[in-house]
C-alpha atoms as a PDB file:
ATOM      1  CA  MET A   1      29.124  31.416 -38.862  1.00  0.00           C
ATOM      2  CA  SER A   2      31.547  29.885 -36.402  1.00  0.00           C
ATOM      3  CA  LYS A   3      31.519  26.339 -35.149  1.00  0.00           C
ATOM      4  CA  TYR A   4      30.947  27.867 -31.743  1.00  0.00           C
ATOM      5  CA  PHE A   5      27.658  29.435 -32.927  1.00  0.00           C
ATOM      6  CA  TYR A   6      26.434  26.152 -34.414  1.00  0.00           C
ATOM      7  CA  ALA A   7      27.312  24.344 -31.192  1.00  0.00           C
ATOM      8  CA  MET A   8      25.355  26.884 -29.146  1.00  0.00           C
ATOM      9  CA  VAL A   9      22.319  26.559 -31.427  1.00  0.00           C
ATOM     10  CA  LEU A  10      22.455  22.769 -31.162  1.00  0.00           C
ATOM     11  CA  PHE A  11      22.768  22.985 -27.387  1.00  0.00           C
ATOM     12  CA  GLY A  12      19.770  25.311 -27.262  1.00  0.00           C
ATOM     13  CA  VAL A  13      17.625  22.927 -29.289  1.00  0.00           C
ATOM     14  CA  VAL A  14      18.594  19.963 -27.156  1.00  0.00           C
ATOM     15  CA  TYR A  15      18.120  21.944 -23.968  1.00  0.00           C
ATOM     16  CA  CYS A  16      14.670  23.219 -25.003  1.00  0.00           C
ATOM     17  CA  TYR A  17      13.585  19.733 -26.049  1.00  0.00           C
ATOM     18  CA  GLY A  18      14.748  18.337 -22.735  1.00  0.00           C
ATOM     19  CA  PHE A  19      12.913  21.079 -20.871  1.00  0.00           C
ATOM     20  CA  VAL A  20       9.650  20.347 -22.700  1.00  0.00           C
ATOM     21  CA  GLU A  21      10.016  16.635 -21.936  1.00  0.00           C
ATOM     22  CA  ALA A  22      10.734  17.305 -18.278  1.00  0.00           C
ATOM     23  CA  ALA A  23       7.788  19.685 -18.008  1.00  0.00           C
ATOM     24  CA  GLN A  24       5.303  17.152 -19.339  1.00  0.00           C
ATOM     25  CA  PRO A  25       2.878  16.455 -16.453  1.00  0.00           C
ATOM     26  CA  PRO A  26       2.497  12.840 -15.338  1.00  0.00           C
ATOM     27  CA  HIS A  27      -0.414  10.910 -16.823  1.00  0.00           C
ATOM     28  CA  ALA A  28      -2.760   9.129 -14.413  1.00  0.00           C
ATOM     29  CA  VAL A  29      -5.195   6.589 -15.872  1.00  0.00           C
ATOM     30  CA  LEU A  30      -8.111   5.883 -13.535  1.00  0.00           C
ATOM     31  CA  VAL A  31      -9.859   2.560 -14.153  1.00  0.00           C
ATOM     32  CA  VAL A  32     -13.417   2.089 -12.865  1.00  0.00           C
ATOM     33  CA  GLY A  33     -14.123  -1.637 -12.646  1.00  0.00           C
ATOM     34  CA  THR A  34     -17.264  -1.669 -10.486  1.00  0.00           C
ATOM     35  CA  HIS A  35     -20.148   0.525  -9.411  1.00  0.00           C
ATOM     36  CA  HIS A  36     -19.828  -0.665  -5.795  1.00  0.00           C
ATOM     37  CA  TYR A  37     -19.205   2.465  -3.671  1.00  0.00           C
ATOM     38  CA  ALA A  38     -20.047   4.621  -6.728  1.00  0.00           C
ATOM     39  CA  PRO A  39     -16.543   5.040  -8.223  1.00  0.00           C
ATOM     40  CA  GLN A  40     -18.224   5.788 -11.557  1.00  0.00           C
ATOM     41  CA  THR A  41     -18.897   9.211 -10.014  1.00  0.00           C
ATOM     42  CA  THR A  42     -16.045   9.606  -7.515  1.00  0.00           C
ATOM     43  CA  MET A  43     -13.236   8.724  -9.941  1.00  0.00           C
ATOM     44  CA  PRO A  44     -14.138  11.463 -12.451  1.00  0.00           C
ATOM     45  CA  PHE A  45     -14.119  13.866  -9.492  1.00  0.00           C
ATOM     46  CA  LEU A  46     -10.696  12.564  -8.434  1.00  0.00           C
ATOM     47  CA  ALA A  47      -9.427  12.977 -11.997  1.00  0.00           C
ATOM     48  CA  THR A  48     -10.602  16.595 -12.052  1.00  0.00           C
ATOM     49  CA  GLU A  49      -8.849  17.263  -8.756  1.00  0.00           C
ATOM     50  CA  LEU A  50      -5.625  15.632  -9.974  1.00  0.00           C
ATOM     51  CA  GLU A  51      -5.728  17.752 -13.122  1.00  0.00           C
ATOM     52  CA  ARG A  52      -6.201  20.904 -11.043  1.00  0.00           C
ATOM     53  CA  LEU A  53      -3.074  19.913  -9.131  1.00  0.00           C
ATOM     54  CA  GLY A  54      -0.952  19.248 -12.202  1.00  0.00           C
ATOM     55  CA  PHE A  55      -1.656  15.785 -13.648  1.00  0.00           C
ATOM     56  CA  ARG A  56      -2.996  14.748 -17.012  1.00  0.00           C
ATOM     57  CA  THR A  57      -5.735  12.171 -16.573  1.00  0.00           C
ATOM     58  CA  THR A  58      -7.801   9.648 -18.466  1.00  0.00           C
ATOM     59  CA  VAL A  59     -10.753   7.834 -16.880  1.00  0.00           C
ATOM     60  CA  VAL A  60     -11.757   4.392 -18.180  1.00  0.00           C
ATOM     61  CA  ASN A  61     -15.372   4.452 -17.071  1.00  0.00           C
ATOM     62  CA  PRO A  62     -17.937   2.641 -19.235  1.00  0.00           C
ATOM     63  CA  ALA A  63     -21.632   3.485 -19.016  1.00  0.00           C
ATOM     64  CA  TRP A  64     -22.376   0.044 -17.544  1.00  0.00           C
ATOM     65  CA  ASP A  65     -21.134  -1.713 -14.405  1.00  0.00           C
ATOM     66  CA  PRO A  66     -18.102  -3.787 -15.528  1.00  0.00           C
ATOM     67  CA  GLU A  67     -18.510  -6.071 -12.527  1.00  0.00           C
ATOM     68  CA  LYS A  68     -21.909  -7.197 -13.797  1.00  0.00           C
ATOM     69  CA  ASP A  69     -21.742  -6.673 -17.569  1.00  0.00           C
ATOM     70  CA  ALA A  70     -19.965  -9.059 -19.943  1.00  0.00           C
ATOM     71  CA  ARG A  71     -18.751  -6.114 -22.022  1.00  0.00           C
ATOM     72  CA  GLY A  72     -16.207  -5.496 -19.268  1.00  0.00           C
ATOM     73  CA  LEU A  73     -13.742  -2.625 -19.633  1.00  0.00           C
ATOM     74  CA  PRO A  74     -13.085  -1.433 -23.176  1.00  0.00           C
ATOM     75  CA  GLY A  75     -10.448   1.277 -23.518  1.00  0.00           C
ATOM     76  CA  LEU A  76      -7.760  -0.267 -21.314  1.00  0.00           C
ATOM     77  CA  GLU A  77      -5.168   0.135 -24.073  1.00  0.00           C
ATOM     78  CA  VAL A  78      -4.678   3.696 -22.763  1.00  0.00           C
ATOM     79  CA  LEU A  79      -2.721   2.159 -19.876  1.00  0.00           C
ATOM     80  CA  LYS A  80       0.233   2.006 -22.275  1.00  0.00           C
ATOM     81  CA  GLU A  81       0.409   5.803 -22.020  1.00  0.00           C
ATOM     82  CA  ALA A  82       0.042   5.958 -18.223  1.00  0.00           C
ATOM     83  CA  ASP A  83       2.673   6.908 -15.674  1.00  0.00           C
ATOM     84  CA  VAL A  84       0.387   5.621 -12.915  1.00  0.00           C
ATOM     85  CA  GLY A  85      -2.650   3.369 -12.968  1.00  0.00           C
ATOM     86  CA  VAL A  86      -5.303   4.179 -10.360  1.00  0.00           C
ATOM     87  CA  PHE A  87      -7.506   1.116 -10.001  1.00  0.00           C
ATOM     88  CA  PHE A  88     -10.947   0.846  -8.405  1.00  0.00           C
ATOM     89  CA  LEU A  89     -11.928  -2.728  -9.330  1.00  0.00           C
ATOM     90  CA  ARG A  90     -14.126  -5.463  -7.876  1.00  0.00           C
ATOM     91  CA  PHE A  91     -14.902  -9.096  -8.779  1.00  0.00           C
ATOM     92  CA  LEU A  92     -14.179  -8.762 -12.505  1.00  0.00           C
ATOM     93  CA  GLN A  93     -14.110 -11.546 -15.076  1.00  0.00           C
ATOM     94  CA  LEU A  94     -12.513  -9.760 -18.016  1.00  0.00           C
ATOM     95  CA  GLU A  95     -11.936 -11.419 -21.360  1.00  0.00           C
ATOM     96  CA  ASP A  96      -8.320 -12.103 -22.303  1.00  0.00           C
ATOM     97  CA  ASP A  97      -8.014  -9.173 -24.708  1.00  0.00           C
ATOM     98  CA  GLN A  98      -8.975  -6.685 -21.980  1.00  0.00           C
ATOM     99  CA  LEU A  99      -7.071  -8.396 -19.173  1.00  0.00           C
ATOM    100  CA  ALA A 100      -3.919  -8.355 -21.310  1.00  0.00           C
ATOM    101  CA  HIS A 101      -3.741  -4.551 -21.059  1.00  0.00           C
ATOM    102  CA  ILE A 102      -3.810  -4.688 -17.245  1.00  0.00           C
ATOM    103  CA  THR A 103      -1.249  -7.513 -17.201  1.00  0.00           C
ATOM    104  CA  GLU A 104       1.076  -5.599 -19.530  1.00  0.00           C
ATOM    105  CA  PHE A 105       0.792  -2.500 -17.366  1.00  0.00           C
ATOM    106  CA  ILE A 106       1.527  -4.420 -14.166  1.00  0.00           C
ATOM    107  CA  GLU A 107       4.547  -6.134 -15.694  1.00  0.00           C
ATOM    108  CA  SER A 108       5.891  -2.771 -16.907  1.00  0.00           C
ATOM    109  CA  GLY A 109       6.732  -1.813 -13.318  1.00  0.00           C
ATOM    110  CA  LYS A 110       4.961   1.541 -13.546  1.00  0.00           C
ATOM    111  CA  ALA A 111       3.323   3.124 -10.518  1.00  0.00           C
ATOM    112  CA  ILE A 112       0.125   1.593  -9.137  1.00  0.00           C
ATOM    113  CA  VAL A 113      -2.571   2.935  -6.823  1.00  0.00           C
ATOM    114  CA  GLY A 114      -5.218   0.497  -5.589  1.00  0.00           C
ATOM    115  CA  LEU A 115      -8.412   1.787  -3.969  1.00  0.00           C
ATOM    116  CA  ARG A 116     -10.910   0.058  -1.667  1.00  0.00           C
ATOM    117  CA  THR A 117     -12.188  -3.132  -3.357  1.00  0.00           C
ATOM    118  CA  SER A 118      -9.201  -3.489  -5.686  1.00  0.00           C
ATOM    119  CA  THR A 119      -7.680  -6.036  -3.286  1.00  0.00           C
ATOM    120  CA  HIS A 120     -10.436  -8.333  -4.572  1.00  0.00           C
ATOM    121  CA  ALA A 121     -10.403  -7.106  -8.146  1.00  0.00           C
ATOM    122  CA  PHE A 122     -11.120 -10.425  -9.880  1.00  0.00           C
ATOM    123  CA  HIS A 123     -13.537 -13.300  -9.419  1.00  0.00           C
ATOM    124  CA  TYR A 124     -12.782 -16.001 -11.951  1.00  0.00           C
ATOM    125  CA  PRO A 125     -14.365 -19.442 -11.319  1.00  0.00           C
ATOM    126  CA  PRO A 126     -12.170 -22.266  -9.932  1.00  0.00           C
ATOM    127  CA  ASP A 127     -11.749 -23.998 -13.295  1.00  0.00           C
ATOM    128  CA  HIS A 128     -10.757 -20.795 -15.132  1.00  0.00           C
ATOM    129  CA  PRO A 129      -7.137 -20.300 -16.304  1.00  0.00           C
ATOM    130  CA  HIS A 130      -7.053 -16.933 -14.495  1.00  0.00           C
ATOM    131  CA  HIS A 131      -8.482 -18.207 -11.196  1.00  0.00           C
ATOM    132  CA  ALA A 132      -5.187 -17.544  -9.348  1.00  0.00           C
ATOM    133  CA  LEU A 133      -5.530 -13.839 -10.172  1.00  0.00           C
ATOM    134  CA  ASN A 134      -8.407 -13.633  -7.686  1.00  0.00           C
ATOM    135  CA  ASN A 135      -5.812 -13.746  -4.913  1.00  0.00           C
ATOM    136  CA  ASP A 136      -2.687 -12.668  -6.767  1.00  0.00           C
ATOM    137  CA  PHE A 137      -3.789  -9.180  -7.789  1.00  0.00           C
ATOM    138  CA  GLY A 138      -4.147  -8.230  -4.141  1.00  0.00           C
ATOM    139  CA  GLN A 139      -1.224 -10.262  -2.844  1.00  0.00           C
ATOM    140  CA  LYS A 140       1.376  -9.799  -5.590  1.00  0.00           C
ATOM    141  CA  VAL A 141       0.384  -6.446  -7.082  1.00  0.00           C
ATOM    142  CA  LEU A 142      -1.067  -4.389  -4.211  1.00  0.00           C
ATOM    143  CA  GLY A 143       0.551  -5.860  -1.084  1.00  0.00           C
ATOM    144  CA  SER A 144      -2.353  -7.808   0.410  1.00  0.00           C
ATOM    145  CA  PRO A 145      -5.331  -9.843  -0.674  1.00  0.00           C
ATOM    146  CA  TYR A 146      -8.749  -9.194   0.838  1.00  0.00           C
ATOM    147  CA  LEU A 147      -9.754 -11.523   3.672  1.00  0.00           C
ATOM    148  CA  ILE A 148     -12.981 -10.336   5.302  1.00  0.00           C
ATOM    149  CA  HIS A 149     -14.628  -7.115   6.436  1.00  0.00           C
ATOM    150  CA  LEU A 150     -16.045  -6.122   9.802  1.00  0.00           C
ATOM    151  CA  ALA A 151     -19.157  -4.022  10.462  1.00  0.00           C
ATOM    152  CA  GLY A 152     -19.912  -0.340  10.863  1.00  0.00           C
ATOM    153  CA  LYS A 153     -17.544   2.602  10.661  1.00  0.00           C
ATOM    154  CA  THR A 154     -13.755   2.565  10.962  1.00  0.00           C
ATOM    155  CA  GLN A 155     -11.684   4.715  13.287  1.00  0.00           C
ATOM    156  CA  VAL A 156      -8.552   5.998  11.520  1.00  0.00           C
ATOM    157  CA  LYS A 157      -5.168   6.754  13.090  1.00  0.00           C
ATOM    158  CA  PRO A 158      -1.624   7.055  11.747  1.00  0.00           C
ATOM    159  CA  ALA A 159       0.585   3.990  11.923  1.00  0.00           C
ATOM    160  CA  ALA A 160       3.570   4.102  14.242  1.00  0.00           C
ATOM    161  CA  HIS A 161       6.413   6.207  12.777  1.00  0.00           C
ATOM    162  CA  ALA A 162       4.295   7.144   9.723  1.00  0.00           C
ATOM    163  CA  ALA A 163       3.249  10.678  10.696  1.00  0.00           C
ATOM    164  CA  ARG A 164       6.027  12.289   8.627  1.00  0.00           C
ATOM    165  CA  HIS A 165       5.466  10.201   5.513  1.00  0.00           C
ATOM    166  CA  PRO A 166       4.743  12.425   2.468  1.00  0.00           C
ATOM    167  CA  ILE A 167       1.381  10.732   1.892  1.00  0.00           C
ATOM    168  CA  LEU A 168       0.196  11.966   5.304  1.00  0.00           C
ATOM    169  CA  HIS A 169       1.466  15.515   4.693  1.00  0.00           C
ATOM    170  CA  GLY A 170      -1.243  18.038   5.469  1.00  0.00           C
ATOM    171  CA  VAL A 171      -3.618  15.405   6.882  1.00  0.00           C
ATOM    172  CA  ASP A 172      -5.496  16.147  10.104  1.00  0.00           C
ATOM    173  CA  MET A 173      -5.993  12.909  12.032  1.00  0.00           C
ATOM    174  CA  THR A 174      -8.179  14.393  14.750  1.00  0.00           C
ATOM    175  CA  GLY A 175     -11.360  12.382  15.190  1.00  0.00           C
ATOM    176  CA  TRP A 176     -11.134  10.781  11.751  1.00  0.00           C
ATOM    177  CA  GLU A 177     -13.831   8.198  11.128  1.00  0.00           C
ATOM    178  CA  SER A 178     -14.441   6.478   7.777  1.00  0.00           C
ATOM    179  CA  SER A 179     -17.885   5.215   6.824  1.00  0.00           C
ATOM    180  CA  GLY A 180     -16.271   2.192   5.176  1.00  0.00           C
ATOM    181  CA  THR A 181     -16.063  -1.092   7.051  1.00  0.00           C
ATOM    182  CA  LEU A 182     -12.633  -2.312   8.100  1.00  0.00           C
ATOM    183  CA  TYR A 183     -10.978  -4.788   5.731  1.00  0.00           C
ATOM    184  CA  LEU A 184      -8.688  -7.340   7.352  1.00  0.00           C
ATOM    185  CA  ILE A 185      -5.567  -8.060   5.314  1.00  0.00           C
ATOM    186  CA  ASN A 186      -2.668 -10.463   4.886  1.00  0.00           C
ATOM    187  CA  ALA A 187       0.154  -7.943   4.739  1.00  0.00           C
ATOM    188  CA  GLN A 188       2.980  -8.970   2.463  1.00  0.00           C
ATOM    189  CA  PRO A 189       6.632  -8.601   3.514  1.00  0.00           C
ATOM    190  CA  GLY A 190       7.934  -5.091   3.018  1.00  0.00           C
ATOM    191  CA  ILE A 191       4.729  -3.086   3.115  1.00  0.00           C
ATOM    192  CA  GLU A 192       4.935   0.181   5.057  1.00  0.00           C
ATOM    193  CA  PRO A 193       1.654   0.839   6.903  1.00  0.00           C
ATOM    194  CA  LEU A 194       0.579   4.471   6.958  1.00  0.00           C
ATOM    195  CA  LEU A 195      -2.930   4.382   8.424  1.00  0.00           C
ATOM    196  CA  ILE A 196      -4.417   1.945  10.921  1.00  0.00           C
ATOM    197  CA  GLY A 197      -8.147   1.339  11.049  1.00  0.00           C
ATOM    198  CA  THR A 198     -10.068  -0.014  14.016  1.00  0.00           C
ATOM    199  CA  GLY A 199     -13.482  -1.581  13.575  1.00  0.00           C
ATOM    200  CA  HIS A 200     -15.981  -3.855  15.244  1.00  0.00           C
ATOM    201  CA  SER A 201     -17.287  -7.270  14.268  1.00  0.00           C
ATOM    202  CA  LYS A 202     -20.803  -8.574  14.726  1.00  0.00           C
ATOM    203  CA  ARG A 203     -19.376 -12.085  14.601  1.00  0.00           C
ATOM    204  CA  VAL A 204     -16.794 -13.368  17.084  1.00  0.00           C
ATOM    205  CA  GLY A 205     -14.760 -16.548  16.828  1.00  0.00           C
ATOM    206  CA  THR A 206     -14.085 -18.693  13.780  1.00  0.00           C
ATOM    207  CA  VAL A 207     -15.693 -17.409  10.586  1.00  0.00           C
ATOM    208  CA  THR A 208     -15.332 -19.000   7.152  1.00  0.00           C
ATOM    209  CA  ASN A 209     -15.911 -17.294   3.821  1.00  0.00           C
ATOM    210  CA  GLN A 210     -14.747 -17.820   0.234  1.00  0.00           C
ATOM    211  CA  PHE A 211     -11.393 -16.232   1.133  1.00  0.00           C
ATOM    212  CA  GLY A 212     -10.533 -18.576   3.995  1.00  0.00           C
ATOM    213  CA  VAL A 213     -10.991 -19.194   7.724  1.00  0.00           C
ATOM    214  CA  HIS A 214     -10.689 -16.207  10.049  1.00  0.00           C
ATOM    215  CA  GLU A 215     -10.556 -15.681  13.798  1.00  0.00           C
ATOM    216  CA  LEU A 216     -12.537 -12.574  14.665  1.00  0.00           C
ATOM    217  CA  ASP A 217     -12.631 -10.511  17.847  1.00  0.00           C
ATOM    218  CA  GLN A 218     -15.230  -7.924  18.715  1.00  0.00           C
ATOM    219  CA  THR A 219     -12.722  -5.095  18.118  1.00  0.00           C
ATOM    220  CA  MET A 220      -9.882  -5.432  15.611  1.00  0.00           C
ATOM    221  CA  SER A 221      -7.309  -3.214  13.924  1.00  0.00           C
ATOM    222  CA  ALA A 222      -5.491  -3.478  10.588  1.00  0.00           C
ATOM    223  CA  PRO A 223      -3.597  -1.289   8.120  1.00  0.00           C
ATOM    224  CA  ILE A 224      -5.936   0.580   5.775  1.00  0.00           C
ATOM    225  CA  ALA A 225      -3.250   2.411   3.776  1.00  0.00           C
ATOM    226  CA  TRP A 226       0.283   1.367   2.922  1.00  0.00           C
ATOM    227  CA  THR A 227       3.126   1.707   0.446  1.00  0.00           C
ATOM    228  CA  TRP A 228       5.072  -1.124  -1.127  1.00  0.00           C
ATOM    229  CA  LYS A 229       7.467  -2.027  -3.898  1.00  0.00           C
ATOM    230  CA  ASN A 230       6.149  -5.145  -5.581  1.00  0.00           C
ATOM    231  CA  SER A 231       8.151  -7.794  -7.431  1.00  0.00           C
ATOM    232  CA  TYR A 232       7.544  -5.991 -10.747  1.00  0.00           C
ATOM    233  CA  GLY A 233       9.351  -2.922  -9.390  1.00  0.00           C
ATOM    234  CA  SER A 234       6.238  -0.755  -9.067  1.00  0.00           C
ATOM    235  CA  ARG A 235       5.878   1.937  -6.446  1.00  0.00           C
ATOM    236  CA  VAL A 236       2.536   0.908  -4.937  1.00  0.00           C
ATOM    237  CA  PHE A 237       0.098   2.822  -2.796  1.00  0.00           C
ATOM    238  CA  THR A 238      -2.896   0.807  -1.606  1.00  0.00           C
ATOM    239  CA  THR A 239      -5.762   1.919   0.606  1.00  0.00           C
ATOM    240  CA  SER A 240      -9.156   0.563   1.565  1.00  0.00           C
ATOM    241  CA  LEU A 241     -10.358   4.163   1.679  1.00  0.00           C
ATOM    242  CA  GLY A 242     -12.758   4.745  -1.185  1.00  0.00           C
ATOM    243  CA  HIS A 243     -16.203   4.447   0.371  1.00  0.00           C
ATOM    244  CA  GLU A 244     -18.320   7.087  -1.350  1.00  0.00           C
ATOM    245  CA  LYS A 245     -18.555   9.114   1.884  1.00  0.00           C
ATOM    246  CA  ASP A 246     -14.741   9.207   2.139  1.00  0.00           C
ATOM    247  CA  PHE A 247     -14.836  11.756  -0.676  1.00  0.00           C
ATOM    248  CA  THR A 248     -16.718  14.186   1.568  1.00  0.00           C
ATOM    249  CA  ASN A 249     -13.703  14.204   3.911  1.00  0.00           C
ATOM    250  CA  PRO A 250     -10.783  16.395   2.737  1.00  0.00           C
ATOM    251  CA  ASN A 251      -8.346  14.260   4.742  1.00  0.00           C
ATOM    252  CA  ALA A 252      -9.329  11.071   2.920  1.00  0.00           C
ATOM    253  CA  VAL A 253      -9.189  12.832  -0.448  1.00  0.00           C
ATOM    254  CA  ARG A 254      -5.794  14.319   0.417  1.00  0.00           C
ATOM    255  CA  VAL A 255      -4.382  10.910   1.367  1.00  0.00           C
ATOM    256  CA  ILE A 256      -5.507   9.455  -1.979  1.00  0.00           C
ATOM    257  CA  ILE A 257      -4.150  12.431  -3.934  1.00  0.00           C
ATOM    258  CA  ASN A 258      -0.872  12.388  -2.009  1.00  0.00           C
ATOM    259  CA  GLY A 259      -0.626   8.675  -2.737  1.00  0.00           C
ATOM    260  CA  VAL A 260      -0.924   9.289  -6.465  1.00  0.00           C
ATOM    261  CA  PHE A 261       1.776  11.978  -6.312  1.00  0.00           C
ATOM    262  CA  TRP A 262       4.047   9.766  -4.198  1.00  0.00           C
ATOM    263  CA  SER A 263       3.639   6.827  -6.580  1.00  0.00           C
ATOM    264  CA  VAL A 264       5.201   8.785  -9.458  1.00  0.00           C
ATOM    265  CA  ASN A 265       7.875  10.233  -7.178  1.00  0.00           C
ATOM    266  CA  GLN A 266       6.449  13.762  -7.282  1.00  0.00           C
ATOM    267  CA  PRO A 267       6.299  16.194  -4.337  1.00  0.00           C
ATOM    268  CA  VAL A 268       2.860  16.067  -2.726  1.00  0.00           C
ATOM    269  CA  PRO A 269       0.731  19.235  -2.605  1.00  0.00           C
ATOM    270  CA  ALA A 270       1.636  21.730   0.098  1.00  0.00           C
ATOM    271  CA  SER A 271      -0.343  21.475   3.312  1.00  0.00           C
ATOM    272  CA  GLU A 272      -1.926  24.871   2.644  1.00  0.00           C
ATOM    273  CA  THR A 273      -3.229  23.694  -0.754  1.00  0.00           C
ATOM    274  CA  ALA A 274      -6.998  23.446  -0.572  1.00  0.00           C
ATOM    275  CA  ILE A 275      -8.416  19.997  -1.364  1.00  0.00           C
ATOM    276  CA  SER A 276     -11.899  19.745  -2.842  1.00  0.00           C
ATOM    277  CA  THR A 277     -14.490  17.231  -1.686  1.00  0.00           C
ATOM    278  CA  PHE A 278     -17.366  15.522  -3.446  1.00  0.00           C
ATOM    279  CA  SER A 279     -20.750  14.200  -2.327  1.00  0.00           C
ATOM    280  CA  VAL A 280     -22.448  11.260  -3.994  1.00  0.00           C
ATOM    281  CA  THR A 281     -26.226  11.001  -4.130  1.00  0.00           C
ATOM    282  CA  PRO A 282     -27.179   8.813  -1.137  1.00  0.00           C
ATOM    283  CA  SER A 283     -27.497   5.126  -1.900  1.00  0.00           C
ATOM    284  CA  ASN A 284     -27.959   1.888  -0.007  1.00  0.00           C
ATOM    285  CA  PRO A 285     -25.252   0.954   2.503  1.00  0.00           C
ATOM    286  CA  LYS A 286     -22.473  -1.171   1.051  1.00  0.00           C
ATOM    287  CA  ARG A 287     -19.932  -3.484   2.576  1.00  0.00           C
END
């Protein structure tokens, strides 16, 4: 056989291998770190929807509430295999061996999606070595720490100049109202707001909580979805959408799904692609 034939065979092997690698779907790891807002049921739904649309997924979702159970979040080592981490966390106090997997993932610079309460993902006591993480996960990883929430439902509109952003592709903004209360934020330099929420406060004037001192008006607005590139190099999509009733709204689900696609630099689903919704068994109202 000629050298030319061998070269063509070698090229074919390399080409086929490269094609298989390129065709490998991105891997999203969804981490459920609370039962507040019922993510133990909504995140498996989201994973199923992402798989239908082309992702591989793994859901870290223990049988207990990690926010309230000292066993925390076993299984986080799967983050090593993730292309994007989708976090729904709240007030965790993980042991070092579990926290190390999240820290390693963050420092890797891979894509990050933070949902609803993830801006206040940790709640270590003041004398704990990881106390600074209470603020830093929101501020340094997601683009804003949590400050305070208002009351009642949130009116949702696109941010100025954001209507053509890929994450809002196929989203109908008409009359959009989220059942989640509005979270006020401390936006970090460089975030790109996509959605603006407007809510109402029962308290007006100076209000103090564990996160600081806040000046509240009866009606206030703040970003509720944004993109960012953090100091670790991650493409970040953060949203305070994630109330259990948000998953009954195809626009809210589409924004979250589009955000996951955007985070790994993939084209978002076409506007004519149907987006499924999911209803959680009614529960007590949550902040």
